[in-house]
Structures are given as structure tokens and as C-alpha cells.
Amino acid sequence: MQQRLIYVMDPMCSWCWGLAPLLDSIRAEFPELPVHLVAGSLRAHLDTPLDNASRQALADHWQAVAALSGQPFSDPHALPDSLVFNVGPASRALIAARNLDECLAWPFARAVQHAFYAQGLDITQPAVLMQIAADIGYDEALFAARFDHPETRQQLEQDWNWVADRGFAELPILFAERKGQLALLCNGFRVPGEVLALLQRWVAAAA
């Protein structure tokens, strides 16, 4: 029976980082269930560096996500001065990872989130993304070529449009798909145990 999960995420979405342990748990409990990553974004086209007010707003928000999720967060004030909160490069890298090896796409996406949120690295820089890809197991030259390919940019726009057409205002989003039918498991942050319980029932219904 054809079934999979569709996980809509933004590598620079703090709630997506907060829910990363859920994806780890799902992959551990249901290793036979493919996870297809889709790039979604609430900040697709920003073009100015973070100012002090924006960094303080991020700090307050990240502290709230950390308290609820238990995930590690660094201090936004320590991010590079030149950082523009533009999700385009990291999201395009997610598409490249998905195209080259979908089995490595989640480990790559998780590593990108960790680099940004826990280590304070500037994941808008292609060189940083290429190094993460190489560390995960991608061929760096192939990854760089796929990252820069016009088709990857086109697929990113298709992902963003697919998510926008569904009218959701929060990320992350997790769907379970069976025979082309989508079941919504979560929209926005939820307690991982609650989502796992829904998924377990969905899987059991097909047994």
C-alpha cells in the first residue's frame, strides 16, 4: 500500500526546530514509512540585515520555543551582523538534498536547523550549507551543482505555492498520505506524543 508522510517545514522556523524530535521519533518507530520534505516559508523574501530590535524579538521568541520544546537555542544577538533572515538559500538546499537522496534529506534539514539555532551559524551562506551537506554524506560538488540548478529554484517556488494554496498560517505541518488522500496530523507546534498517537492510529487503520 502506497503511503508516506509529508512534512512541511522552513529551516529557519523556530517551531520547526522545536518539533524536530518528533521527526526523529517517527523515523525510529516507523522506519518503513517514507518522509517527504516540502519547503514552506513565512519569510521568503526579506532582504535587510537583522537590527537590534529584531534580534531581541527573536531572543524572546526563541526562549519561549526552547521552554516548550526543550530544544537548544543560541542567542540571536550573537548571529553575524550581516545576516539577513532570508529563508531562500536554506530552503533551496533542502530541495537539492531531497532531489539527490531523499533518505538523507531529513538528516540534512535537521543539521541545518541545528547549525542555525544551536550553533549560531549563518545558514543563508551557500558555503555553510555545502559544508553541512558534505558532513551528512552528500557529494559536495554534486550538491553545489544541484543547489544552483534553475530546476531547483523552480521546484522551491512550486513547494511554496503548494503550501500557500492550502491556506495554512502556521508551520510546521505534518500530513499522512495514503493512496493520494491526505490526513492532517499537526499544523504548528504540538506535543510530540499527541502527534505520535494520531500517527499510530493512522498506521493501524491500514493494517
N, C-alpha and C. Protein backbone atom coordinates (compact mmCIF):
# COMPACT_ATOMS: atom_id res chain seq x y z
N MET A 1 0.85 -1.19 0.00
CA MET A 1 0.00 0.00 0.00
C MET A 1 0.88 1.24 0.00
N GLN A 2 0.60 2.16 -0.92
CA GLN A 2 1.43 3.36 -1.05
C GLN A 2 1.06 4.38 0.02
N GLN A 3 2.00 4.67 0.89
CA GLN A 3 1.75 5.66 1.93
C GLN A 3 3.06 6.32 2.32
N ARG A 4 2.96 7.55 2.81
CA ARG A 4 4.14 8.29 3.22
C ARG A 4 3.70 9.44 4.11
N LEU A 5 4.68 10.11 4.71
CA LEU A 5 4.45 11.34 5.45
C LEU A 5 4.96 12.51 4.62
N ILE A 6 4.27 13.63 4.71
CA ILE A 6 4.71 14.87 4.08
C ILE A 6 4.91 15.89 5.18
N TYR A 7 6.14 16.32 5.33
CA TYR A 7 6.48 17.26 6.41
C TYR A 7 6.83 18.60 5.79
N VAL A 8 6.01 19.61 6.06
CA VAL A 8 6.22 20.96 5.54
C VAL A 8 6.97 21.76 6.59
N MET A 9 8.14 22.25 6.22
CA MET A 9 8.99 22.93 7.19
C MET A 9 9.77 24.06 6.53
N ASP A 10 10.25 24.94 7.37
CA ASP A 10 11.13 26.03 6.98
C ASP A 10 12.39 25.87 7.83
N PRO A 11 13.57 25.74 7.22
CA PRO A 11 14.79 25.56 8.02
C PRO A 11 15.05 26.69 9.00
N MET A 12 14.44 27.87 8.78
CA MET A 12 14.65 28.99 9.68
C MET A 12 13.39 29.30 10.49
N CYS A 13 12.54 28.30 10.68
CA CYS A 13 11.34 28.41 11.51
C CYS A 13 11.65 27.79 12.86
N SER A 14 11.57 28.59 13.93
CA SER A 14 11.94 28.09 15.25
C SER A 14 11.00 26.98 15.73
N TRP A 15 9.72 27.06 15.38
CA TRP A 15 8.80 25.99 15.79
C TRP A 15 9.12 24.69 15.07
N CYS A 16 9.64 24.80 13.83
CA CYS A 16 10.06 23.59 13.11
C CYS A 16 11.24 22.94 13.83
N TRP A 17 12.17 23.76 14.29
CA TRP A 17 13.28 23.22 15.08
C TRP A 17 12.77 22.63 16.38
N GLY A 18 11.78 23.28 16.97
CA GLY A 18 11.21 22.77 18.21
C GLY A 18 10.56 21.41 18.05
N LEU A 19 10.06 21.12 16.85
CA LEU A 19 9.38 19.84 16.62
C LEU A 19 10.30 18.80 15.98
N ALA A 20 11.57 19.13 15.81
CA ALA A 20 12.50 18.16 15.20
C ALA A 20 12.54 16.82 15.93
N PRO A 21 12.48 16.78 17.26
CA PRO A 21 12.48 15.48 17.94
C PRO A 21 11.31 14.58 17.54
N LEU A 22 10.18 15.17 17.14
CA LEU A 22 9.06 14.36 16.67
C LEU A 22 9.46 13.58 15.43
N LEU A 23 10.11 14.25 14.48
CA LEU A 23 10.53 13.55 13.26
C LEU A 23 11.53 12.45 13.58
N ASP A 24 12.44 12.71 14.53
CA ASP A 24 13.38 11.67 14.95
C ASP A 24 12.63 10.46 15.51
N SER A 25 11.61 10.71 16.32
CA SER A 25 10.84 9.62 16.91
C SER A 25 10.07 8.84 15.85
N ILE A 26 9.50 9.55 14.90
CA ILE A 26 8.75 8.90 13.82
C ILE A 26 9.67 8.01 13.00
N ARG A 27 10.84 8.51 12.65
CA ARG A 27 11.77 7.71 11.86
C ARG A 27 12.23 6.48 12.62
N ALA A 28 12.35 6.60 13.94
CA ALA A 28 12.77 5.46 14.74
C ALA A 28 11.66 4.43 14.87
N GLU A 29 10.40 4.88 15.04
CA GLU A 29 9.29 3.96 15.25
C GLU A 29 8.73 3.39 13.95
N PHE A 30 8.81 4.18 12.88
CA PHE A 30 8.25 3.75 11.59
C PHE A 30 9.30 3.89 10.48
N PRO A 31 10.38 3.12 10.56
CA PRO A 31 11.46 3.27 9.57
C PRO A 31 11.04 2.94 8.14
N GLU A 32 9.95 2.19 8.01
CA GLU A 32 9.48 1.81 6.68
C GLU A 32 8.60 2.89 6.04
N LEU A 33 8.28 3.96 6.78
CA LEU A 33 7.38 4.99 6.30
C LEU A 33 8.20 6.16 5.75
N PRO A 34 8.18 6.38 4.43
CA PRO A 34 8.99 7.47 3.86
C PRO A 34 8.51 8.83 4.35
N VAL A 35 9.46 9.74 4.53
CA VAL A 35 9.15 11.13 4.90
C VAL A 35 9.58 12.03 3.75
N HIS A 36 8.61 12.69 3.15
CA HIS A 36 8.86 13.61 2.04
C HIS A 36 8.84 15.03 2.59
N LEU A 37 9.95 15.74 2.46
CA LEU A 37 10.05 17.11 2.95
C LEU A 37 9.57 18.11 1.90
N VAL A 38 8.78 19.07 2.35
CA VAL A 38 8.30 20.15 1.49
C VAL A 38 8.73 21.46 2.14
N ALA A 39 9.26 22.37 1.33
CA ALA A 39 9.69 23.67 1.84
C ALA A 39 8.51 24.61 1.94
N GLY A 40 8.26 25.10 3.15
CA GLY A 40 7.26 26.13 3.36
C GLY A 40 7.95 27.34 3.94
N SER A 41 7.35 28.51 3.81
CA SER A 41 8.03 29.70 4.32
C SER A 41 7.04 30.79 4.69
N LEU A 42 7.34 31.46 5.79
CA LEU A 42 6.62 32.67 6.17
C LEU A 42 7.48 33.92 5.96
N ARG A 43 8.76 33.72 5.60
CA ARG A 43 9.68 34.85 5.39
C ARG A 43 10.51 34.59 4.14
N ALA A 44 9.87 34.55 3.01
CA ALA A 44 10.57 34.11 1.80
C ALA A 44 11.45 35.17 1.16
N HIS A 45 11.15 36.44 1.34
CA HIS A 45 11.83 37.44 0.51
C HIS A 45 12.35 38.64 1.31
N LEU A 46 12.78 38.43 2.54
CA LEU A 46 13.38 39.52 3.29
C LEU A 46 14.77 39.84 2.72
N ASP A 47 15.18 41.11 2.82
CA ASP A 47 16.45 41.49 2.20
C ASP A 47 17.27 42.48 3.02
N THR A 48 16.91 42.69 4.30
CA THR A 48 17.68 43.60 5.14
C THR A 48 18.23 42.86 6.35
N PRO A 49 19.45 43.21 6.80
CA PRO A 49 20.03 42.53 7.96
C PRO A 49 19.20 42.74 9.22
N LEU A 50 19.34 41.81 10.15
CA LEU A 50 18.64 41.92 11.42
C LEU A 50 19.16 43.11 12.22
N ASP A 51 18.24 43.94 12.71
CA ASP A 51 18.65 45.02 13.60
C ASP A 51 18.50 44.57 15.04
N ASN A 52 18.87 45.43 15.98
CA ASN A 52 18.84 45.04 17.40
C ASN A 52 17.44 44.71 17.88
N ALA A 53 16.45 45.47 17.41
CA ALA A 53 15.07 45.21 17.84
C ALA A 53 14.60 43.84 17.34
N SER A 54 14.97 43.51 16.11
CA SER A 54 14.59 42.21 15.56
C SER A 54 15.29 41.08 16.30
N ARG A 55 16.54 41.29 16.66
CA ARG A 55 17.27 40.27 17.41
C ARG A 55 16.66 40.05 18.80
N GLN A 56 16.22 41.14 19.44
CA GLN A 56 15.60 40.99 20.75
C GLN A 56 14.25 40.28 20.63
N ALA A 57 13.50 40.59 19.60
CA ALA A 57 12.23 39.89 19.39
C ALA A 57 12.47 38.41 19.15
N LEU A 58 13.51 38.10 18.38
CA LEU A 58 13.85 36.69 18.17
C LEU A 58 14.26 36.02 19.47
N ALA A 59 15.04 36.71 20.27
CA ALA A 59 15.51 36.14 21.54
C ALA A 59 14.33 35.78 22.43
N ASP A 60 13.36 36.68 22.52
CA ASP A 60 12.18 36.41 23.35
C ASP A 60 11.41 35.21 22.81
N HIS A 61 11.26 35.16 21.49
CA HIS A 61 10.51 34.06 20.87
C HIS A 61 11.26 32.74 21.02
N TRP A 62 12.56 32.75 20.77
CA TRP A 62 13.34 31.52 20.87
C TRP A 62 13.33 30.97 22.30
N GLN A 63 13.35 31.85 23.28
CA GLN A 63 13.30 31.39 24.67
C GLN A 63 11.97 30.69 24.95
N ALA A 64 10.89 31.21 24.36
CA ALA A 64 9.57 30.59 24.55
C ALA A 64 9.53 29.21 23.89
N VAL A 65 10.09 29.10 22.69
CA VAL A 65 10.10 27.81 21.99
C VAL A 65 10.99 26.81 22.74
N ALA A 66 12.11 27.28 23.23
CA ALA A 66 13.02 26.41 23.98
C ALA A 66 12.35 25.87 25.24
N ALA A 67 11.61 26.74 25.93
CA ALA A 67 10.95 26.32 27.16
C ALA A 67 9.90 25.25 26.89
N LEU A 68 9.21 25.37 25.76
CA LEU A 68 8.14 24.42 25.44
C LEU A 68 8.66 23.14 24.83
N SER A 69 9.71 23.24 24.03
CA SER A 69 10.18 22.08 23.27
C SER A 69 11.37 21.36 23.89
N GLY A 70 12.16 22.08 24.70
CA GLY A 70 13.38 21.50 25.24
C GLY A 70 14.55 21.52 24.27
N GLN A 71 14.37 22.13 23.11
CA GLN A 71 15.44 22.18 22.13
C GLN A 71 16.46 23.27 22.48
N PRO A 72 17.73 23.07 22.09
CA PRO A 72 18.76 24.08 22.38
C PRO A 72 18.68 25.27 21.43
N PHE A 73 18.83 26.47 21.97
CA PHE A 73 18.84 27.69 21.17
C PHE A 73 20.02 28.55 21.63
N SER A 74 20.69 29.15 20.67
CA SER A 74 21.75 30.11 20.99
C SER A 74 21.13 31.50 21.13
N ASP A 75 21.95 32.52 21.25
CA ASP A 75 21.49 33.90 21.43
C ASP A 75 21.46 34.60 20.06
N PRO A 76 20.30 35.08 19.61
CA PRO A 76 20.25 35.77 18.31
C PRO A 76 21.18 36.98 18.22
N HIS A 77 21.51 37.58 19.37
CA HIS A 77 22.40 38.73 19.33
C HIS A 77 23.81 38.33 18.89
N ALA A 78 24.13 37.04 18.98
CA ALA A 78 25.45 36.57 18.58
C ALA A 78 25.52 36.17 17.11
N LEU A 79 24.40 36.20 16.40
CA LEU A 79 24.41 35.89 14.98
C LEU A 79 25.24 36.94 14.23
N PRO A 80 25.81 36.59 13.09
CA PRO A 80 26.62 37.55 12.33
C PRO A 80 25.86 38.83 12.04
N ASP A 81 26.56 39.96 12.10
CA ASP A 81 25.93 41.26 11.89
C ASP A 81 25.27 41.37 10.51
N SER A 82 25.84 40.69 9.54
CA SER A 82 25.35 40.82 8.16
C SER A 82 24.19 39.89 7.85
N LEU A 83 23.76 39.07 8.80
CA LEU A 83 22.75 38.05 8.50
C LEU A 83 21.41 38.69 8.13
N VAL A 84 20.90 38.27 6.98
CA VAL A 84 19.56 38.63 6.52
C VAL A 84 18.66 37.42 6.74
N PHE A 85 17.54 37.60 7.40
CA PHE A 85 16.67 36.48 7.72
C PHE A 85 15.89 36.06 6.46
N ASN A 86 16.64 35.56 5.49
CA ASN A 86 16.09 35.15 4.19
C ASN A 86 16.16 33.63 4.12
N VAL A 87 15.02 32.98 4.05
CA VAL A 87 14.99 31.52 4.10
C VAL A 87 15.30 30.88 2.76
N GLY A 88 15.43 31.69 1.71
CA GLY A 88 15.60 31.15 0.37
C GLY A 88 16.75 30.17 0.22
N PRO A 89 17.98 30.55 0.59
CA PRO A 89 19.11 29.63 0.38
C PRO A 89 18.96 28.29 1.11
N ALA A 90 18.57 28.32 2.38
CA ALA A 90 18.44 27.07 3.13
C ALA A 90 17.30 26.22 2.58
N SER A 91 16.22 26.86 2.15
CA SER A 91 15.10 26.11 1.58
C SER A 91 15.48 25.51 0.24
N ARG A 92 16.26 26.25 -0.54
CA ARG A 92 16.72 25.72 -1.83
C ARG A 92 17.66 24.53 -1.59
N ALA A 93 18.46 24.60 -0.54
CA ALA A 93 19.33 23.48 -0.20
C ALA A 93 18.51 22.26 0.21
N LEU A 94 17.39 22.49 0.88
CA LEU A 94 16.51 21.38 1.24
C LEU A 94 16.00 20.68 -0.01
N ILE A 95 15.63 21.45 -1.03
CA ILE A 95 15.17 20.87 -2.30
C ILE A 95 16.29 20.07 -2.95
N ALA A 96 17.50 20.63 -2.94
CA ALA A 96 18.64 19.93 -3.53
C ALA A 96 18.89 18.62 -2.80
N ALA A 97 18.83 18.64 -1.48
CA ALA A 97 19.03 17.42 -0.70
C ALA A 97 17.97 16.38 -1.03
N ARG A 98 16.73 16.82 -1.13
CA ARG A 98 15.62 15.91 -1.45
C ARG A 98 15.80 15.28 -2.82
N ASN A 99 16.27 16.06 -3.79
CA ASN A 99 16.43 15.55 -5.14
C ASN A 99 17.59 14.56 -5.26
N LEU A 100 18.66 14.82 -4.53
CA LEU A 100 19.84 13.97 -4.64
C LEU A 100 19.70 12.66 -3.88
N ASP A 101 19.13 12.70 -2.68
CA ASP A 101 18.96 11.50 -1.87
C ASP A 101 17.93 11.78 -0.79
N GLU A 102 16.68 11.35 -1.02
CA GLU A 102 15.62 11.69 -0.08
C GLU A 102 15.83 11.04 1.28
N CYS A 103 16.57 9.94 1.32
CA CYS A 103 16.83 9.29 2.61
C CYS A 103 17.70 10.16 3.51
N LEU A 104 18.53 11.01 2.91
CA LEU A 104 19.40 11.89 3.67
C LEU A 104 18.79 13.27 3.88
N ALA A 105 17.63 13.52 3.28
CA ALA A 105 17.06 14.87 3.31
C ALA A 105 16.72 15.31 4.73
N TRP A 106 16.11 14.42 5.54
CA TRP A 106 15.80 14.83 6.91
C TRP A 106 17.06 15.03 7.75
N PRO A 107 18.03 14.09 7.74
CA PRO A 107 19.26 14.36 8.48
C PRO A 107 19.92 15.68 8.08
N PHE A 108 19.85 16.01 6.77
CA PHE A 108 20.41 17.28 6.32
C PHE A 108 19.62 18.45 6.88
N ALA A 109 18.30 18.40 6.76
CA ALA A 109 17.46 19.50 7.25
C ALA A 109 17.65 19.70 8.75
N ARG A 110 17.74 18.60 9.48
CA ARG A 110 17.93 18.70 10.92
C ARG A 110 19.29 19.33 11.25
N ALA A 111 20.32 18.94 10.49
CA ALA A 111 21.65 19.50 10.72
C ALA A 111 21.69 21.00 10.41
N VAL A 112 20.96 21.41 9.38
CA VAL A 112 20.89 22.84 9.04
C VAL A 112 20.22 23.62 10.18
N GLN A 113 19.12 23.08 10.70
CA GLN A 113 18.45 23.73 11.82
C GLN A 113 19.36 23.81 13.04
N HIS A 114 20.05 22.73 13.34
CA HIS A 114 20.95 22.72 14.49
C HIS A 114 22.06 23.76 14.32
N ALA A 115 22.59 23.84 13.09
CA ALA A 115 23.66 24.80 12.83
C ALA A 115 23.20 26.23 13.10
N PHE A 116 21.97 26.52 12.71
CA PHE A 116 21.45 27.89 12.89
C PHE A 116 21.03 28.15 14.33
N TYR A 117 20.20 27.29 14.87
CA TYR A 117 19.60 27.58 16.17
C TYR A 117 20.52 27.27 17.35
N ALA A 118 21.25 26.17 17.28
CA ALA A 118 22.09 25.79 18.41
C ALA A 118 23.51 26.34 18.32
N GLN A 119 24.01 26.52 17.06
CA GLN A 119 25.40 26.95 16.89
C GLN A 119 25.53 28.40 16.45
N GLY A 120 24.45 29.01 15.99
CA GLY A 120 24.50 30.39 15.58
C GLY A 120 25.23 30.63 14.26
N LEU A 121 25.24 29.63 13.37
CA LEU A 121 25.89 29.79 12.07
C LEU A 121 24.94 30.47 11.09
N ASP A 122 25.50 31.13 10.11
CA ASP A 122 24.71 31.83 9.10
C ASP A 122 24.38 30.87 7.97
N ILE A 123 23.21 30.24 8.06
CA ILE A 123 22.83 29.24 7.05
C ILE A 123 22.24 29.88 5.80
N THR A 124 22.30 31.20 5.70
CA THR A 124 21.95 31.84 4.43
C THR A 124 23.14 31.83 3.47
N GLN A 125 24.31 31.43 3.97
CA GLN A 125 25.53 31.41 3.17
C GLN A 125 25.70 30.04 2.50
N PRO A 126 25.78 29.99 1.17
CA PRO A 126 25.92 28.70 0.48
C PRO A 126 27.10 27.87 0.98
N ALA A 127 28.22 28.51 1.31
CA ALA A 127 29.38 27.75 1.77
C ALA A 127 29.07 26.98 3.04
N VAL A 128 28.29 27.55 3.94
CA VAL A 128 27.90 26.86 5.16
C VAL A 128 27.01 25.67 4.83
N LEU A 129 26.06 25.87 3.92
CA LEU A 129 25.15 24.79 3.52
C LEU A 129 25.91 23.66 2.82
N MET A 130 26.87 24.01 1.99
CA MET A 130 27.66 22.98 1.30
C MET A 130 28.45 22.13 2.29
N GLN A 131 29.00 22.77 3.32
CA GLN A 131 29.77 22.03 4.31
C GLN A 131 28.86 21.08 5.09
N ILE A 132 27.68 21.54 5.44
CA ILE A 132 26.74 20.67 6.15
C ILE A 132 26.37 19.48 5.27
N ALA A 133 26.11 19.74 4.00
CA ALA A 133 25.77 18.65 3.08
C ALA A 133 26.89 17.62 3.00
N ALA A 134 28.12 18.09 2.91
CA ALA A 134 29.26 17.18 2.86
C ALA A 134 29.37 16.37 4.14
N ASP A 135 29.13 17.02 5.28
CA ASP A 135 29.21 16.32 6.56
C ASP A 135 28.14 15.24 6.68
N ILE A 136 26.97 15.46 6.07
CA ILE A 136 25.88 14.48 6.13
C ILE A 136 26.13 13.30 5.21
N GLY A 137 26.90 13.51 4.15
CA GLY A 137 27.21 12.40 3.25
C GLY A 137 26.95 12.67 1.78
N TYR A 138 26.56 13.90 1.44
CA TYR A 138 26.38 14.25 0.03
C TYR A 138 27.73 14.55 -0.61
N ASP A 139 27.81 14.31 -1.90
CA ASP A 139 28.97 14.75 -2.68
C ASP A 139 28.87 16.27 -2.82
N GLU A 140 29.87 16.98 -2.32
CA GLU A 140 29.76 18.44 -2.25
C GLU A 140 29.63 19.08 -3.62
N ALA A 141 30.36 18.57 -4.62
CA ALA A 141 30.29 19.15 -5.96
C ALA A 141 28.91 18.92 -6.58
N LEU A 142 28.38 17.71 -6.42
CA LEU A 142 27.05 17.41 -6.95
C LEU A 142 25.99 18.25 -6.25
N PHE A 143 26.16 18.42 -4.94
CA PHE A 143 25.19 19.20 -4.18
C PHE A 143 25.22 20.66 -4.63
N ALA A 144 26.41 21.20 -4.80
CA ALA A 144 26.52 22.60 -5.23
C ALA A 144 25.89 22.80 -6.60
N ALA A 145 26.09 21.83 -7.51
CA ALA A 145 25.50 21.94 -8.84
C ALA A 145 23.99 21.89 -8.77
N ARG A 146 23.46 21.00 -7.94
CA ARG A 146 22.00 20.89 -7.80
C ARG A 146 21.43 22.14 -7.12
N PHE A 147 22.15 22.66 -6.15
CA PHE A 147 21.72 23.87 -5.44
C PHE A 147 21.55 25.03 -6.41
N ASP A 148 22.47 25.17 -7.37
CA ASP A 148 22.46 26.28 -8.31
C ASP A 148 21.61 26.03 -9.55
N HIS A 149 21.07 24.83 -9.71
CA HIS A 149 20.34 24.49 -10.93
C HIS A 149 19.01 25.25 -10.99
N PRO A 150 18.65 25.80 -12.16
CA PRO A 150 17.37 26.52 -12.28
C PRO A 150 16.16 25.66 -11.89
N GLU A 151 16.23 24.37 -12.14
CA GLU A 151 15.11 23.50 -11.79
C GLU A 151 14.87 23.47 -10.28
N THR A 152 15.96 23.57 -9.49
CA THR A 152 15.82 23.59 -8.04
C THR A 152 15.09 24.84 -7.59
N ARG A 153 15.41 25.98 -8.18
CA ARG A 153 14.71 27.21 -7.86
C ARG A 153 13.22 27.10 -8.24
N GLN A 154 12.95 26.48 -9.38
CA GLN A 154 11.57 26.31 -9.81
C GLN A 154 10.81 25.39 -8.86
N GLN A 155 11.45 24.33 -8.42
CA GLN A 155 10.80 23.41 -7.51
C GLN A 155 10.53 24.07 -6.15
N LEU A 156 11.42 24.95 -5.73
CA LEU A 156 11.20 25.67 -4.48
C LEU A 156 9.95 26.55 -4.58
N GLU A 157 9.82 27.26 -5.68
CA GLU A 157 8.62 28.08 -5.87
C GLU A 157 7.37 27.20 -5.91
N GLN A 158 7.47 26.02 -6.50
CA GLN A 158 6.33 25.10 -6.54
C GLN A 158 5.96 24.64 -5.13
N ASP A 159 6.97 24.36 -4.32
CA ASP A 159 6.70 23.97 -2.93
C ASP A 159 6.00 25.10 -2.19
N TRP A 160 6.54 26.31 -2.28
CA TRP A 160 5.94 27.44 -1.59
C TRP A 160 4.49 27.66 -2.03
N ASN A 161 4.24 27.53 -3.34
CA ASN A 161 2.88 27.72 -3.86
C ASN A 161 1.95 26.60 -3.38
N TRP A 162 2.46 25.37 -3.34
CA TRP A 162 1.65 24.23 -2.88
C TRP A 162 1.18 24.46 -1.45
N VAL A 163 2.09 24.94 -0.61
CA VAL A 163 1.74 25.20 0.79
C VAL A 163 0.78 26.38 0.88
N ALA A 164 1.05 27.46 0.15
CA ALA A 164 0.19 28.64 0.19
C ALA A 164 -1.22 28.31 -0.26
N ASP A 165 -1.36 27.45 -1.25
CA ASP A 165 -2.68 27.09 -1.77
C ASP A 165 -3.53 26.37 -0.73
N ARG A 166 -2.90 25.79 0.28
CA ARG A 166 -3.66 25.08 1.31
C ARG A 166 -4.09 25.97 2.46
N GLY A 167 -3.61 27.20 2.46
CA GLY A 167 -4.15 28.19 3.37
C GLY A 167 -3.72 28.08 4.82
N PHE A 168 -2.65 27.35 5.10
CA PHE A 168 -2.19 27.24 6.49
C PHE A 168 -1.35 28.45 6.86
N ALA A 169 -1.50 28.91 8.09
CA ALA A 169 -0.79 30.10 8.55
C ALA A 169 0.30 29.77 9.55
N GLU A 170 0.48 28.49 9.87
CA GLU A 170 1.49 28.09 10.85
C GLU A 170 2.34 26.95 10.30
N LEU A 171 3.56 26.91 10.74
CA LEU A 171 4.47 25.81 10.45
C LEU A 171 4.97 25.27 11.78
N PRO A 172 5.41 24.00 11.78
CA PRO A 172 5.42 23.03 10.69
C PRO A 172 4.05 22.39 10.48
N ILE A 173 3.92 21.66 9.37
CA ILE A 173 2.70 20.93 9.04
C ILE A 173 3.10 19.50 8.74
N LEU A 174 2.37 18.55 9.29
CA LEU A 174 2.65 17.14 9.03
C LEU A 174 1.38 16.48 8.50
N PHE A 175 1.50 15.91 7.29
CA PHE A 175 0.42 15.14 6.68
C PHE A 175 0.83 13.67 6.64
N ALA A 176 -0.17 12.80 6.75
CA ALA A 176 0.00 11.39 6.40
C ALA A 176 -0.76 11.18 5.10
N GLU A 177 -0.11 10.59 4.12
CA GLU A 177 -0.72 10.41 2.80
C GLU A 177 -0.85 8.93 2.49
N ARG A 178 -2.06 8.52 2.12
CA ARG A 178 -2.31 7.13 1.72
C ARG A 178 -3.18 7.13 0.48
N LYS A 179 -2.66 6.54 -0.58
CA LYS A 179 -3.38 6.47 -1.85
C LYS A 179 -3.86 7.85 -2.31
N GLY A 180 -3.00 8.84 -2.10
CA GLY A 180 -3.30 10.19 -2.55
C GLY A 180 -4.19 10.99 -1.63
N GLN A 181 -4.66 10.39 -0.54
CA GLN A 181 -5.51 11.09 0.42
C GLN A 181 -4.67 11.60 1.59
N LEU A 182 -4.83 12.88 1.93
CA LEU A 182 -4.04 13.49 2.99
C LEU A 182 -4.82 13.53 4.30
N ALA A 183 -4.14 13.15 5.38
CA ALA A 183 -4.67 13.29 6.74
C ALA A 183 -3.76 14.24 7.49
N LEU A 184 -4.33 15.31 8.06
CA LEU A 184 -3.54 16.30 8.78
C LEU A 184 -3.24 15.79 10.19
N LEU A 185 -1.95 15.67 10.51
CA LEU A 185 -1.54 15.22 11.84
C LEU A 185 -1.17 16.39 12.75
N CYS A 186 -0.63 17.45 12.19
CA CYS A 186 -0.38 18.65 13.01
C CYS A 186 -0.18 19.85 12.12
N ASN A 187 -0.57 21.01 12.63
CA ASN A 187 -0.37 22.30 11.99
C ASN A 187 0.11 23.26 13.07
N GLY A 188 1.41 23.57 13.06
CA GLY A 188 2.02 24.29 14.15
C GLY A 188 2.55 23.33 15.19
N PHE A 189 3.19 23.87 16.20
CA PHE A 189 3.80 23.02 17.23
C PHE A 189 2.73 22.29 18.04
N ARG A 190 2.96 20.99 18.23
CA ARG A 190 2.11 20.19 19.11
C ARG A 190 3.01 19.29 19.94
N VAL A 191 2.50 18.82 21.05
CA VAL A 191 3.26 17.89 21.88
C VAL A 191 3.55 16.64 21.05
N PRO A 192 4.83 16.24 20.91
CA PRO A 192 5.16 15.10 20.05
C PRO A 192 4.36 13.84 20.36
N GLY A 193 4.11 13.56 21.64
CA GLY A 193 3.38 12.36 21.99
C GLY A 193 1.97 12.34 21.41
N GLU A 194 1.33 13.51 21.34
CA GLU A 194 -0.01 13.59 20.78
C GLU A 194 0.00 13.27 19.28
N VAL A 195 1.01 13.79 18.58
CA VAL A 195 1.09 13.55 17.15
C VAL A 195 1.43 12.08 16.88
N LEU A 196 2.31 11.54 17.67
CA LEU A 196 2.65 10.12 17.50
C LEU A 196 1.43 9.24 17.71
N ALA A 197 0.58 9.58 18.66
CA ALA A 197 -0.63 8.79 18.90
C ALA A 197 -1.55 8.83 17.68
N LEU A 198 -1.70 10.00 17.07
CA LEU A 198 -2.50 10.12 15.85
C LEU A 198 -1.91 9.28 14.72
N LEU A 199 -0.59 9.34 14.58
CA LEU A 199 0.07 8.58 13.53
C LEU A 199 -0.08 7.08 13.76
N GLN A 200 0.06 6.64 14.99
CA GLN A 200 -0.11 5.22 15.30
C GLN A 200 -1.49 4.73 14.91
N ARG A 201 -2.53 5.53 15.17
CA ARG A 201 -3.89 5.15 14.79
C ARG A 201 -4.04 5.12 13.27
N TRP A 202 -3.40 6.08 12.60
CA TRP A 202 -3.48 6.13 11.13
C TRP A 202 -2.82 4.89 10.53
N VAL A 203 -1.67 4.52 11.05
CA VAL A 203 -0.97 3.32 10.56
C VAL A 203 -1.80 2.07 10.85
N ALA A 204 -2.35 2.00 12.06
CA ALA A 204 -3.12 0.82 12.44
C ALA A 204 -4.37 0.64 11.59
N ALA A 205 -4.93 1.74 11.11
CA ALA A 205 -6.15 1.68 10.32
C ALA A 205 -5.94 0.95 8.99
N ALA A 206 -4.70 0.92 8.54
CA ALA A 206 -4.41 0.25 7.26
C ALA A 206 -3.97 -1.19 7.46
N ALA A 207 -3.77 -1.61 8.69
CA ALA A 207 -3.27 -2.96 8.96
C ALA A 207 -4.34 -4.00 8.69
